[in-house]
Protein backbone atom coordinates (compact mmCIF):
# COMPACT_ATOMS: atom_id res chain seq x y z
CA THR A 1 79.14 -53.08 53.25
CA LEU A 2 76.43 -50.92 51.66
CA ALA A 3 74.06 -51.53 54.54
CA THR A 4 76.54 -50.56 57.24
CA GLU A 5 78.70 -47.80 55.77
CA ASP A 6 77.67 -44.23 56.34
CA GLN A 7 79.01 -42.54 53.24
CA THR A 8 77.53 -39.36 51.88
CA VAL A 9 77.14 -38.93 48.13
CA GLU A 10 79.40 -36.11 47.08
CA GLN A 11 78.78 -35.94 43.33
CA MET A 12 75.19 -36.02 42.21
CA THR A 13 73.91 -35.48 38.70
CA THR A 14 70.51 -34.75 37.24
CA ILE A 15 68.84 -38.07 36.47
CA ASP A 16 65.56 -38.79 34.73
CA LEU A 17 63.58 -40.69 37.37
CA SER A 18 61.64 -42.78 34.86
CA THR A 19 64.80 -43.81 32.99
CA ALA A 20 66.49 -44.91 36.22
CA ALA A 21 63.41 -46.86 37.34
CA ARG A 22 63.12 -48.66 34.01
CA GLU A 23 66.85 -49.42 33.92
CA ALA A 24 66.70 -50.93 37.42
CA TRP A 25 63.57 -52.94 36.48
CA GLU A 26 65.52 -54.61 33.66
CA THR A 27 68.12 -55.95 36.12
CA VAL A 28 65.62 -57.68 38.44
CA ASP A 29 63.89 -61.00 37.77
CA THR A 30 60.36 -59.65 37.67
CA GLY A 31 58.60 -62.56 35.99
CA GLU A 32 55.35 -61.30 34.51
CA ALA A 33 55.09 -58.36 36.89
CA THR A 34 54.59 -54.91 35.43
CA LEU A 35 56.15 -51.52 36.09
CA ARG A 36 54.25 -48.24 35.79
CA VAL A 37 56.20 -45.01 35.94
CA GLU A 38 53.96 -42.03 36.59
CA THR A 39 56.53 -39.24 36.35
CA ASP A 40 58.81 -37.64 33.83
CA GLY A 41 60.58 -35.61 36.53
CA GLN A 42 64.26 -35.39 37.22
CA ILE A 43 66.16 -35.82 40.45
CA GLU A 44 69.61 -34.94 41.75
CA ALA A 45 71.17 -38.27 42.68
CA GLU A 46 74.12 -40.60 42.27
CA MET A 47 72.99 -43.06 39.60
CA CYS A 48 74.45 -46.29 41.03
CA ARG A 49 72.90 -45.68 44.44
CA LEU A 50 69.54 -44.68 42.96
CA LEU A 51 69.56 -47.89 40.89
CA THR A 52 70.35 -49.84 44.07
CA ILE A 53 67.33 -48.28 45.78
CA PHE A 54 65.01 -49.23 42.92
CA GLU A 55 66.48 -52.72 42.46
CA ASN A 56 66.11 -53.58 46.14
CA LEU A 57 62.54 -52.27 46.32
CA PHE A 58 61.56 -54.08 43.12
CA ARG A 59 63.15 -57.33 44.29
CA ASN A 60 61.46 -56.99 47.68
CA ALA A 61 58.05 -56.44 46.07
CA ILE A 62 58.42 -59.43 43.74
CA GLU A 63 59.69 -61.76 46.48
CA HIS A 64 56.88 -60.81 48.84
CA ALA A 65 54.20 -61.06 46.15
CA ALA A 66 54.57 -64.83 46.49
CA CYS A 67 53.42 -64.41 50.10
CA GLY A 68 50.16 -62.79 49.05
CA PRO A 69 46.74 -64.33 48.64
CA ASP A 70 47.28 -65.50 45.03
CA GLU A 71 50.97 -66.43 45.57
CA THR A 72 51.97 -65.38 42.07
CA LYS A 73 54.25 -62.79 40.51
CA ALA A 74 52.03 -62.67 37.44
CA THR A 75 49.60 -60.10 38.81
CA MET A 76 52.17 -57.99 40.65
CA SER A 77 52.34 -54.36 39.66
CA VAL A 78 54.91 -51.82 40.82
CA GLU A 79 54.53 -48.07 40.38
CA VAL A 80 57.07 -45.26 40.61
CA GLY A 81 55.81 -41.70 40.83
CA ALA A 82 56.55 -38.20 42.05
CA THR A 83 55.34 -36.55 45.24
CA SER A 84 55.61 -32.92 46.25
CA GLU A 85 58.60 -33.85 48.42
CA GLY A 86 60.30 -36.47 46.22
CA PHE A 87 59.12 -39.81 44.87
CA PHE A 88 57.48 -43.10 45.83
CA VAL A 89 57.68 -46.75 44.93
CA ALA A 90 54.46 -48.69 45.50
CA ASP A 91 53.34 -52.24 44.81
CA ASP A 92 50.04 -54.05 44.91
CA GLY A 93 51.35 -57.01 46.87
CA PRO A 94 50.30 -58.15 50.34
CA GLY A 95 51.70 -55.04 52.04
CA ILE A 96 53.58 -54.78 55.31
CA PRO A 97 51.77 -55.80 58.49
CA ALA A 98 51.40 -52.87 60.91
CA GLU A 99 53.37 -54.71 63.60
CA GLU A 100 56.38 -55.02 61.26
CA VAL A 101 56.54 -51.45 59.90
CA ASP A 102 59.00 -50.24 62.54
CA ALA A 103 61.36 -53.17 61.97
CA VAL A 104 61.61 -53.57 58.18
CA PHE A 105 64.55 -51.18 57.72
CA GLU A 106 66.64 -52.92 60.41
CA SER A 107 69.69 -54.73 59.08
CA GLY A 108 69.06 -58.49 59.21
CA TYR A 109 65.27 -58.21 59.45
CA THR A 110 63.55 -60.73 57.19
CA THR A 111 60.35 -62.73 57.03
CA GLU A 112 61.83 -65.21 54.54
CA GLN A 113 63.79 -68.31 55.58
CA THR A 114 66.31 -67.71 52.78
CA GLY A 115 66.36 -63.90 53.03
CA THR A 116 69.36 -61.88 54.16
CA GLY A 117 67.36 -59.05 55.69
CA LEU A 118 69.58 -56.49 53.96
CA GLY A 119 67.41 -55.24 51.06
CA LEU A 120 65.40 -52.57 52.86
CA SER A 121 68.30 -51.68 55.13
CA ILE A 122 70.31 -50.95 51.99
CA VAL A 123 67.44 -48.86 50.61
CA GLU A 124 67.44 -46.73 53.76
CA THR A 125 71.24 -46.41 53.75
CA MET A 126 71.31 -45.37 50.08
CA ALA A 127 68.55 -42.82 50.67
CA GLU A 128 70.34 -41.37 53.69
CA SER A 129 73.63 -41.18 51.75
CA HIS A 130 71.83 -38.71 49.45
CA GLY A 131 70.52 -36.74 52.42
CA TRP A 132 67.02 -38.15 51.84
CA SER A 133 64.62 -39.93 54.14
CA VAL A 134 62.42 -42.92 53.35
CA GLU A 135 59.26 -43.98 55.12
CA ILE A 136 56.55 -46.55 54.67
CA ASP A 137 53.19 -44.98 53.90
CA THR A 138 51.09 -46.68 56.56
CA ALA A 139 47.89 -45.16 55.15
CA TYR A 140 48.41 -46.99 51.83
CA THR A 141 46.21 -50.09 51.82
CA ASP A 142 46.76 -51.51 48.33
CA GLY A 143 50.17 -53.09 49.07
CA ALA A 144 53.39 -51.44 50.21
CA ARG A 145 54.35 -47.83 49.45
CA PHE A 146 57.78 -46.38 50.17
CA VAL A 147 57.97 -42.59 50.13
CA PHE A 148 61.23 -40.70 49.69
CA ASP A 149 61.70 -37.12 50.80
CA THR A 150 64.44 -35.81 48.51
CA ARG A 151 64.08 -32.09 49.02
CA PRO A 152 65.04 -30.10 47.16
CA GLU A 153 62.23 -31.67 45.23
CA ILE A 154 62.13 -33.29 41.82
CA THR A 155 62.01 -30.79 38.97
CA GLY A 156 60.17 -31.09 35.68
């Protein structure tokens, strides 16, 4: 339902971005992976949907870390930080192949045999419900980096 409904968030509150990221991290099986939060900024958002964004991106990073060269979650690192237009979530996993970048947000798209292909579609839907956009930073070469344009920008 989340991936297909086009509902706009009507009541947003000021949320501490680092608190939301850490709260979402606690709900995902992250193994020995680590989270770095490089911002103390605040954002206008609907908390449940923001948590859904983080949870799906964290889960996606952890699941795809097992596809990387060392095939282990133990060395995975995820970072959340601010940009001048919003925020980003980056990981140091295997990254997204250039030929797949245009398809990863499509509902049902997956590279895993047991995957649903809904995680990143839900991320995009939740971002759009806030009036935000999300893109993959194709210039980032250390893994995958998702950049959210949330203007008006994060304060603090």
